[in-house]
Amino acid sequence: MEMEPEKVNVRKGLSADPSYRCTACHGDEDVVPGHPIRGRAKSRSLSASPGLASTKEFRRTRSLHGPCPVTTFGPKACVLQNPQTIMHIQDPASQRLTWNKAPKSVLVIKKIRDASLLQPFKELCMYLMEENSMLVYVEKKVLEDPAIVGDDSFGPVKKKFCTFREDYDDISNQIDFIICLGGDGTLLYASSLFQGSVPPVMAFHLGSLGFLTPFNFENFQTQVTQVIQGNAAVILRSRLNVKVVKELRGKKTAIPNGVLNEVVIDRGPSSYLSNVDVYLDGHLITTVQGDGVIVSTPTGSTAYAAAAGASMIHPNVPAMMITPICPHSLSFRPIVVPAGVELKIMLSPEARNTVWVSFDGRKRQEIRHGDSISITTSCYPLPSICVRDPVSDWFESLAQCLHWNVRKRQAHFTDEEGEEEG
């Protein structure tokens, strides 16, 4: 996948100019022209062959952080002209999806235990296989649904699926793009399956809220065809890279690079206030005393953070938001920090109780004295496919889902009232 209007070829652009590479993303990888983008497993079941292709391959998306040239200052407080230091701000509406090769494999994610999604799921999979000759991946437990098992007409299609199991099979190099059927939680789950580069995601609104799922299923054939042909806009939703260190017990827990909404630290079942110290690039900036604190991406700013009183940030803004949960201070307001910083959160020495942390509402665990949580912006955003463009889709979601700025309009003056006012 690439981004317009630059239209830089993946095989040539990333290898020809080292400034397009980020050491945090690629480490010591060598980008070799002509190297295949991804391998393809020979077995239809990933569970039967968990060992997949090497991870040292091309990445689907580029880092949010561009090259950082040194700014040179001259006399009289002027900045010397340097073409490399000119900031290029891209119009979000110009971000387009461009395929290096026509997509051949698609991951279909369906909300589990929802009978209303069975028929759309069957129609979509049959369309992808029969009309587009695509290789369809699904989670193994999806096909274990009794309604699918007992459907004889769906049997021939069912045998063609490639299946996988969460936390066991690695499908990161097998998928060209993703289609989600469900609500916002389905998109969060799709993000958690990819620790590194994420394929473009097309999300259909078949859930309750649908803030992150802009597509309607009524005319899915036309919309899917446009995506396969590369006729679509995308929005890059930044994610969080999190590491939990258990220092006192000598344990380190690596959290997947897939936190799309937020990291929530709360007091858990304790009746006492939580008391945690927040460090920014090694400097103590504040102590949060209250029910907890939320560290969110711009995508997550419209979720729990918004309910806690934070501002809503467009996903194209490279930033992280720190929002206290019911702070014991009237002057503690949410703040926005640059995406390039590292946040570290620890229990304060005088804290009376432990705290609990969760990542997009999952993998909840206890944080004790001496433990620490490190949070940075991941180099691998989630490319979300738009119905129209990033600006229109986002404001449409604000209006439809959150009823942003909805009020009864003020009545206009009649001609007689206007003359009296004059």
Protein backbone atom coordinates (compact mmCIF):
# COMPACT_ATOMS: atom_id res chain seq x y z
CA MET A 1 0.00 0.00 0.00
CA GLU A 2 1.21 3.51 -0.78
CA MET A 3 0.04 7.04 -0.30
CA GLU A 4 -0.78 9.64 -2.94
CA PRO A 5 -0.08 12.30 -4.13
CA GLU A 6 3.59 11.34 -3.81
CA LYS A 7 2.96 7.90 -5.40
CA VAL A 8 6.37 6.62 -4.33
CA ASN A 9 6.87 3.02 -5.46
CA VAL A 10 7.41 0.76 -2.46
CA ARG A 11 10.21 -1.22 -4.06
CA LYS A 12 12.08 1.86 -5.25
CA GLY A 13 11.16 4.70 -2.90
CA LEU A 14 11.99 3.07 0.42
CA SER A 15 15.29 1.64 -0.74
CA ALA A 16 16.56 4.55 -2.83
CA ASP A 17 16.25 7.26 -0.19
CA PRO A 18 17.33 6.34 3.37
CA SER A 19 15.47 9.36 4.77
CA TYR A 20 12.20 7.47 4.24
CA ARG A 21 13.27 4.78 6.69
CA CYS A 22 12.86 4.95 10.45
CA THR A 23 15.34 3.07 12.64
CA ALA A 24 12.61 2.52 15.20
CA CYS A 25 10.52 0.76 12.53
CA HIS A 26 13.09 -1.23 10.65
CA GLY A 27 15.99 -1.56 13.07
CA ASP A 28 18.91 -3.04 11.18
CA GLU A 29 16.84 -4.38 8.32
CA ASP A 30 18.30 -4.32 4.84
CA VAL A 31 15.80 -3.33 2.17
CA VAL A 32 16.74 -5.21 -0.97
CA PRO A 33 15.12 -4.25 -4.29
CA GLY A 34 13.18 -7.10 -5.77
CA HIS A 35 12.67 -8.84 -2.42
CA PRO A 36 9.12 -10.24 -2.18
CA ILE A 37 6.70 -8.23 -0.13
CA ARG A 38 5.33 -11.23 1.72
CA GLY A 39 5.36 -15.01 1.59
CA ARG A 40 2.30 -17.16 1.12
CA ALA A 41 1.74 -20.26 3.19
CA LYS A 42 1.35 -23.52 1.29
CA SER A 43 -1.05 -24.97 3.82
CA ARG A 44 -4.66 -23.87 3.90
CA SER A 45 -4.67 -24.05 7.70
CA LEU A 46 -2.18 -21.81 9.48
CA SER A 47 -2.57 -23.91 12.61
CA ALA A 48 -0.95 -26.81 10.79
CA SER A 49 2.07 -24.72 9.81
CA PRO A 50 2.70 -21.94 12.36
CA GLY A 51 6.14 -21.17 10.95
CA LEU A 52 5.61 -18.48 8.30
CA ALA A 53 7.79 -16.21 6.20
CA SER A 54 10.60 -14.12 7.60
CA THR A 55 9.63 -10.86 9.26
CA LYS A 56 12.46 -8.97 7.53
CA GLU A 57 10.38 -7.84 4.58
CA PHE A 58 8.86 -4.67 3.25
CA ARG A 59 6.52 -2.81 5.54
CA ARG A 60 3.10 -1.74 4.31
CA THR A 61 3.15 1.71 5.89
CA ARG A 62 5.76 4.31 6.63
CA SER A 63 6.56 5.83 9.98
CA LEU A 64 4.64 8.87 11.19
CA HIS A 65 7.98 10.51 11.96
CA GLY A 66 9.83 11.88 8.97
CA PRO A 67 13.53 12.79 8.70
CA CYS A 68 14.78 15.27 11.30
CA PRO A 69 17.46 17.51 9.75
CA VAL A 70 19.37 19.95 11.93
CA THR A 71 18.03 23.50 11.90
CA THR A 72 20.81 26.10 11.49
CA PHE A 73 20.38 29.58 12.95
CA GLY A 74 22.11 32.64 11.51
CA PRO A 75 22.62 36.15 12.85
CA LYS A 76 19.74 38.39 13.90
CA ALA A 77 17.69 35.35 15.02
CA CYS A 78 16.96 34.17 11.50
CA VAL A 79 16.73 30.57 10.42
CA LEU A 80 19.09 29.84 7.54
CA GLN A 81 17.36 28.46 4.48
CA ASN A 82 17.67 24.71 4.13
CA PRO A 83 15.36 22.88 1.71
CA GLN A 84 15.44 19.77 3.91
CA THR A 85 14.01 21.62 6.90
CA ILE A 86 10.91 22.85 5.10
CA MET A 87 7.89 21.27 6.75
CA HIS A 88 5.55 19.58 4.31
CA ILE A 89 1.99 19.45 5.58
CA GLN A 90 -0.14 17.09 3.54
CA ASP A 91 -3.81 17.74 3.01
CA PRO A 92 -5.64 14.83 4.71
CA ALA A 93 -8.14 14.75 1.87
CA SER A 94 -5.32 13.90 -0.58
CA GLN A 95 -4.40 10.58 1.05
CA ARG A 96 -5.34 7.83 -1.38
CA LEU A 97 -4.99 4.06 -1.42
CA THR A 98 -2.68 2.74 -4.14
CA TRP A 99 -1.85 -0.94 -4.56
CA ASN A 100 1.65 -1.98 -5.60
CA LYS A 101 0.06 -5.24 -6.76
CA ALA A 102 -3.58 -6.23 -7.05
CA PRO A 103 -4.70 -7.66 -3.68
CA LYS A 104 -5.19 -11.43 -3.64
CA SER A 105 -5.84 -12.26 0.04
CA VAL A 106 -8.34 -10.74 2.44
CA LEU A 107 -9.01 -11.25 6.14
CA VAL A 108 -12.71 -11.16 7.06
CA ILE A 109 -13.37 -10.47 10.75
CA LYS A 110 -16.89 -11.05 12.04
CA LYS A 111 -18.27 -10.25 15.45
CA ILE A 112 -18.68 -13.52 17.36
CA ARG A 113 -22.05 -14.67 18.74
CA ASP A 114 -24.11 -12.29 16.63
CA ALA A 115 -26.73 -14.11 14.55
CA SER A 116 -27.58 -10.97 12.56
CA LEU A 117 -24.12 -11.02 10.94
CA LEU A 118 -24.30 -14.56 9.58
CA GLN A 119 -26.09 -13.68 6.34
CA PRO A 120 -23.88 -10.63 5.54
CA PHE A 121 -20.82 -12.76 6.32
CA LYS A 122 -21.90 -15.49 3.90
CA GLU A 123 -22.78 -13.02 1.14
CA LEU A 124 -19.47 -11.20 1.46
CA CYS A 125 -17.33 -14.35 1.49
CA MET A 126 -19.12 -15.84 -1.53
CA TYR A 127 -18.68 -12.56 -3.41
CA LEU A 128 -14.95 -12.39 -2.59
CA MET A 129 -14.30 -16.00 -3.60
CA GLU A 130 -16.59 -16.49 -6.57
CA GLU A 131 -16.63 -13.03 -8.15
CA ASN A 132 -13.09 -11.87 -7.29
CA SER A 133 -11.24 -15.20 -6.89
CA MET A 134 -9.67 -14.04 -3.63
CA LEU A 135 -8.11 -16.11 -0.87
CA VAL A 136 -10.23 -15.51 2.26
CA TYR A 137 -8.86 -15.86 5.79
CA VAL A 138 -11.22 -16.20 8.78
CA GLU A 139 -10.77 -17.02 12.44
CA LYS A 140 -11.29 -20.71 13.13
CA LYS A 141 -13.94 -20.14 15.80
CA VAL A 142 -16.07 -18.20 13.30
CA LEU A 143 -16.61 -21.35 11.24
CA GLU A 144 -17.56 -23.30 14.39
CA ASP A 145 -20.84 -21.39 14.64
CA PRO A 146 -23.70 -23.95 14.50
CA ALA A 147 -25.56 -21.83 11.93
CA ILE A 148 -22.57 -22.08 9.58
CA VAL A 149 -21.82 -25.73 10.31
CA GLY A 150 -25.43 -26.73 9.53
CA ASP A 151 -25.72 -24.68 6.33
CA ASP A 152 -25.27 -27.19 3.49
CA SER A 153 -25.42 -24.50 0.79
CA PHE A 154 -22.42 -22.76 2.39
CA GLY A 155 -20.41 -25.99 2.58
CA PRO A 156 -18.48 -25.66 -0.72
CA VAL A 157 -17.43 -22.10 0.18
CA LYS A 158 -16.48 -23.09 3.72
CA LYS A 159 -13.93 -25.64 2.47
CA LYS A 160 -11.99 -22.89 0.65
CA PHE A 161 -11.30 -20.78 3.76
CA CYS A 162 -7.85 -20.34 5.30
CA THR A 163 -8.24 -20.41 9.08
CA PHE A 164 -6.14 -19.11 11.96
CA ARG A 165 -6.22 -18.89 15.75
CA GLU A 166 -5.57 -15.77 17.79
CA ASP A 167 -2.31 -15.71 19.80
CA TYR A 168 -1.12 -18.84 17.96
CA ASP A 169 -0.89 -18.23 14.21
CA ASP A 170 1.03 -15.36 12.65
CA ILE A 171 -0.82 -13.96 9.63
CA SER A 172 1.05 -10.65 9.43
CA ASN A 173 2.66 -11.46 6.06
CA GLN A 174 -0.33 -13.22 4.52
CA ILE A 175 -3.03 -10.53 4.34
CA ASP A 176 -3.41 -7.81 1.69
CA PHE A 177 -6.38 -6.05 3.28
CA ILE A 178 -8.99 -6.56 6.00
CA ILE A 179 -12.79 -6.36 6.01
CA CYS A 180 -14.55 -5.99 9.38
CA LEU A 181 -18.22 -6.81 9.99
CA GLY A 182 -19.43 -5.43 13.30
CA GLY A 183 -18.91 -2.37 15.48
CA ASP A 184 -15.92 -0.38 16.70
CA GLY A 185 -14.77 -3.29 18.86
CA THR A 186 -14.28 -5.40 15.74
CA LEU A 187 -11.84 -2.83 14.35
CA LEU A 188 -9.97 -2.73 17.67
CA TYR A 189 -9.69 -6.51 17.54
CA ALA A 190 -8.35 -6.38 13.98
CA SER A 191 -5.68 -3.92 15.11
CA SER A 192 -4.59 -6.26 17.92
CA LEU A 193 -3.88 -9.09 15.45
CA PHE A 194 -1.02 -7.16 13.80
CA GLN A 195 1.91 -6.19 16.00
CA GLY A 196 3.78 -4.47 13.19
CA SER A 197 2.54 -3.27 9.81
CA VAL A 198 -1.24 -3.36 9.40
CA PRO A 199 -3.02 -3.94 6.06
CA PRO A 200 -5.69 -1.43 4.99
CA VAL A 201 -8.94 -1.99 6.88
CA MET A 202 -12.44 -1.65 5.41
CA ALA A 203 -14.99 -1.57 8.24
CA PHE A 204 -18.74 -2.09 7.71
CA HIS A 205 -21.14 -0.65 10.28
CA LEU A 206 -23.05 -3.67 11.62
CA GLY A 207 -22.71 -2.94 15.33
CA SER A 208 -24.12 -0.50 17.87
CA LEU A 209 -22.10 2.74 17.67
CA GLY A 210 -20.10 2.60 14.45
CA PHE A 211 -17.85 5.63 14.96
CA LEU A 212 -14.91 3.83 13.33
CA THR A 213 -16.95 1.84 10.81
CA PRO A 214 -18.07 4.22 8.02
CA PHE A 215 -19.34 1.73 5.40
CA ASN A 216 -22.93 0.53 5.07
CA PHE A 217 -23.46 -3.04 3.90
CA GLU A 218 -26.38 -2.45 1.51
CA ASN A 219 -24.15 -1.91 -1.56
CA PHE A 220 -21.05 -3.77 -0.39
CA GLN A 221 -20.27 -5.20 -3.84
CA THR A 222 -19.63 -1.80 -5.37
CA GLN A 223 -17.63 -0.55 -2.40
CA VAL A 224 -15.45 -3.66 -2.16
CA THR A 225 -14.75 -3.50 -5.89
CA GLN A 226 -13.62 0.11 -5.60
CA VAL A 227 -11.21 -0.82 -2.80
CA ILE A 228 -9.77 -3.73 -4.78
CA GLN A 229 -9.24 -1.37 -7.71
CA GLY A 230 -7.50 1.18 -5.46
CA ASN A 231 -10.22 3.79 -5.80
CA ALA A 232 -10.46 4.87 -2.15
CA ALA A 233 -9.15 7.33 0.41
CA VAL A 234 -7.41 6.24 3.61
CA ILE A 235 -6.78 7.74 7.03
CA LEU A 236 -3.72 6.65 9.03
CA ARG A 237 -4.79 6.08 12.63
CA SER A 238 -1.77 6.13 14.94
CA ARG A 239 -1.39 3.40 17.55
CA LEU A 240 0.48 3.08 20.85
CA ASN A 241 3.48 0.87 21.55
CA VAL A 242 3.36 -0.22 25.21
CA LYS A 243 5.82 -2.07 27.44
CA VAL A 244 5.10 -3.15 31.02
CA VAL A 245 8.17 -3.81 33.16
CA LYS A 246 7.84 -5.81 36.39
CA GLU A 247 11.07 -4.63 37.99
CA LEU A 248 10.69 -6.07 41.48
CA ARG A 249 10.06 -9.60 40.19
CA GLY A 250 12.47 -9.44 37.27
CA LYS A 251 9.76 -9.88 34.65
CA LYS A 252 9.10 -7.93 31.46
CA THR A 253 5.78 -8.13 29.69
CA ALA A 254 5.73 -6.97 26.07
CA ILE A 255 2.34 -5.66 24.95
CA PRO A 256 1.62 -5.96 21.18
CA ASN A 257 2.00 -2.78 19.12
CA GLY A 258 -1.71 -2.59 18.53
CA VAL A 259 -3.23 -0.19 21.03
CA LEU A 260 -5.52 1.85 18.80
CA ASN A 261 -7.67 3.69 21.34
CA GLU A 262 -6.12 4.04 24.77
CA VAL A 263 -4.16 2.74 27.73
CA VAL A 264 -6.25 3.07 30.91
CA ILE A 265 -4.72 3.06 34.39
CA ASP A 266 -7.35 2.94 37.16
CA ARG A 267 -7.59 2.15 40.88
CA GLY A 268 -9.36 -1.17 40.28
CA PRO A 269 -11.38 -2.60 43.20
CA SER A 270 -9.66 -0.41 45.81
CA SER A 271 -11.64 2.27 47.65
CA TYR A 272 -8.59 4.55 47.82
CA LEU A 273 -7.62 7.09 45.17
CA SER A 274 -4.98 5.99 42.71
CA ASN A 275 -1.69 7.83 42.95
CA VAL A 276 0.65 7.54 39.94
CA ASP A 277 3.62 9.56 38.68
CA VAL A 278 3.77 10.51 35.00
CA TYR A 279 7.17 11.01 33.35
CA LEU A 280 7.72 12.54 29.91
CA ASP A 281 11.09 11.69 28.34
CA GLY A 282 12.44 10.92 31.80
CA HIS A 283 11.16 14.09 33.48
CA LEU A 284 8.44 13.96 36.14
CA ILE A 285 5.66 16.20 34.86
CA THR A 286 2.83 15.50 37.29
CA THR A 287 1.29 13.13 39.81
CA VAL A 288 -2.23 11.92 39.05
CA GLN A 289 -4.35 11.56 42.16
CA GLY A 290 -7.87 10.40 41.38
CA ASP A 291 -9.62 7.43 39.82
CA GLY A 292 -6.88 7.02 37.21
CA VAL A 293 -5.48 8.35 33.96
CA ILE A 294 -6.08 7.70 30.23
CA VAL A 295 -3.33 7.87 27.61
CA SER A 296 -5.07 7.91 24.23
CA THR A 297 -4.36 8.29 20.55
CA PRO A 298 -6.29 10.86 18.49
CA THR A 299 -8.58 7.98 17.48
CA GLY A 300 -9.18 7.22 21.16
CA SER A 301 -9.85 10.88 21.96
CA THR A 302 -13.50 10.33 20.94
CA ALA A 303 -13.84 7.26 23.19
CA TYR A 304 -13.23 7.02 26.97
CA ALA A 305 -11.18 10.25 26.93
CA ALA A 306 -14.11 12.24 25.53
CA ALA A 307 -16.38 10.85 28.27
CA ALA A 308 -13.76 11.98 30.83
CA GLY A 309 -13.85 15.56 29.51
CA ALA A 310 -11.05 15.61 26.93
CA SER A 311 -11.07 17.39 23.60
CA MET A 312 -11.58 15.45 20.38
CA ILE A 313 -8.55 15.30 18.06
CA HIS A 314 -8.60 14.48 14.36
CA PRO A 315 -6.73 11.20 13.67
CA ASN A 316 -4.29 12.95 11.31
CA VAL A 317 -2.81 14.95 14.21
CA PRO A 318 0.40 13.24 15.48
CA ALA A 319 -0.15 13.44 19.22
CA MET A 320 -0.97 11.63 22.44
CA MET A 321 -3.52 12.82 24.99
CA ILE A 322 -3.22 12.51 28.78
CA THR A 323 -6.62 12.65 30.47
CA PRO A 324 -7.18 12.27 34.23
CA ILE A 325 -10.17 10.24 35.41
CA CYS A 326 -12.04 12.20 38.12
CA PRO A 327 -8.89 13.98 39.38
CA HIS A 328 -8.75 15.25 42.97
CA SER A 329 -7.93 18.71 41.62
CA LEU A 330 -10.16 21.20 39.83
CA SER A 331 -7.22 22.59 37.81
CA PHE A 332 -6.11 19.27 36.31
CA ARG A 333 -7.22 19.47 32.68
CA PRO A 334 -6.38 17.05 29.84
CA ILE A 335 -3.21 17.85 27.91
CA VAL A 336 -1.90 16.96 24.44
CA VAL A 337 1.77 15.99 23.96
CA PRO A 338 3.75 15.34 20.75
CA ALA A 339 3.65 11.87 19.27
CA GLY A 340 7.44 11.48 19.44
CA VAL A 341 7.79 11.52 23.24
CA GLU A 342 7.97 8.59 25.65
CA LEU A 343 5.59 8.47 28.60
CA LYS A 344 6.36 6.39 31.67
CA ILE A 345 3.80 5.82 34.40
CA MET A 346 4.64 4.39 37.83
CA LEU A 347 3.01 4.09 41.22
CA SER A 348 3.94 6.99 43.48
CA PRO A 349 6.04 6.01 46.52
CA GLU A 350 3.26 7.20 48.86
CA ALA A 351 0.48 5.37 46.98
CA ARG A 352 -1.77 3.40 49.34
CA ASN A 353 -2.81 0.77 46.83
CA THR A 354 -1.89 -0.76 43.48
CA VAL A 355 -3.45 0.19 40.16
CA TRP A 356 -4.69 -1.78 37.16
CA VAL A 357 -3.95 -1.23 33.49
CA SER A 358 -5.80 -2.31 30.33
CA PHE A 359 -5.07 -1.87 26.63
CA ASP A 360 -8.08 -1.12 24.44
CA GLY A 361 -10.12 -2.78 27.20
CA ARG A 362 -8.12 -6.03 27.04
CA LYS A 363 -5.20 -7.81 28.76
CA ARG A 364 -5.96 -6.19 32.12
CA GLN A 365 -3.22 -6.62 34.74
CA GLU A 366 -2.14 -5.25 38.11
CA ILE A 367 0.66 -2.69 38.50
CA ARG A 368 2.51 -2.69 41.84
CA HIS A 369 5.27 -0.60 43.43
CA GLY A 370 8.37 -0.70 41.26
CA ASP A 371 6.52 -1.63 38.08
CA SER A 372 6.42 0.78 35.16
CA ILE A 373 4.42 1.33 31.97
CA SER A 374 6.24 2.84 28.97
CA ILE A 375 4.10 4.29 26.18
CA THR A 376 5.25 5.64 22.81
CA THR A 377 3.62 6.19 19.43
CA SER A 378 3.98 3.09 17.28
CA CYS A 379 5.71 3.40 13.92
CA TYR A 380 2.91 1.34 12.39
CA PRO A 381 -0.45 3.15 12.09
CA LEU A 382 -3.70 1.49 11.10
CA PRO A 383 -4.74 2.49 7.55
CA SER A 384 -8.51 2.86 7.72
CA ILE A 385 -10.29 3.06 4.36
CA CYS A 386 -12.71 5.99 4.03
CA VAL A 387 -16.08 6.27 2.36
CA ARG A 388 -15.24 9.77 1.10
CA ASP A 389 -12.15 11.32 2.72
CA PRO A 390 -10.61 11.63 6.22
CA VAL A 391 -12.13 15.03 6.96
CA SER A 392 -15.68 14.35 5.76
CA ASP A 393 -15.86 10.89 7.34
CA TRP A 394 -14.65 12.12 10.74
CA PHE A 395 -17.09 15.02 11.02
CA GLU A 396 -19.88 12.79 9.71
CA SER A 397 -19.14 10.36 12.56
CA LEU A 398 -19.15 13.19 15.09
CA ALA A 399 -22.56 14.30 13.89
CA GLN A 400 -24.17 10.87 13.46
CA CYS A 401 -22.72 8.97 16.44
CA LEU A 402 -21.95 11.61 19.07
CA HIS A 403 -24.50 14.27 17.96
CA TRP A 404 -21.72 16.84 18.17
CA ASN A 405 -23.01 20.43 18.41
CA VAL A 406 -26.62 19.39 17.87
CA ARG A 407 -29.06 22.00 19.14
CA LYS A 408 -32.26 23.72 18.18
CA ARG A 409 -31.46 26.54 15.78
CA GLN A 410 -32.13 30.13 16.74
CA ALA A 411 -35.16 31.63 14.98
CA HIS A 412 -34.43 34.34 12.43
CA PHE A 413 -35.92 37.82 12.57
CA THR A 414 -38.99 38.68 10.55
CA ASP A 415 -38.86 41.84 8.42
CA GLU A 416 -40.89 43.78 11.01
CA GLU A 417 -38.64 42.69 13.90
CA GLY A 418 -35.56 43.60 11.92
CA GLU A 419 -36.82 47.11 11.26
CA GLU A 420 -37.65 47.60 14.96
CA GLU A 421 -34.12 46.49 15.97
CA GLY A 422 -32.67 48.91 13.42
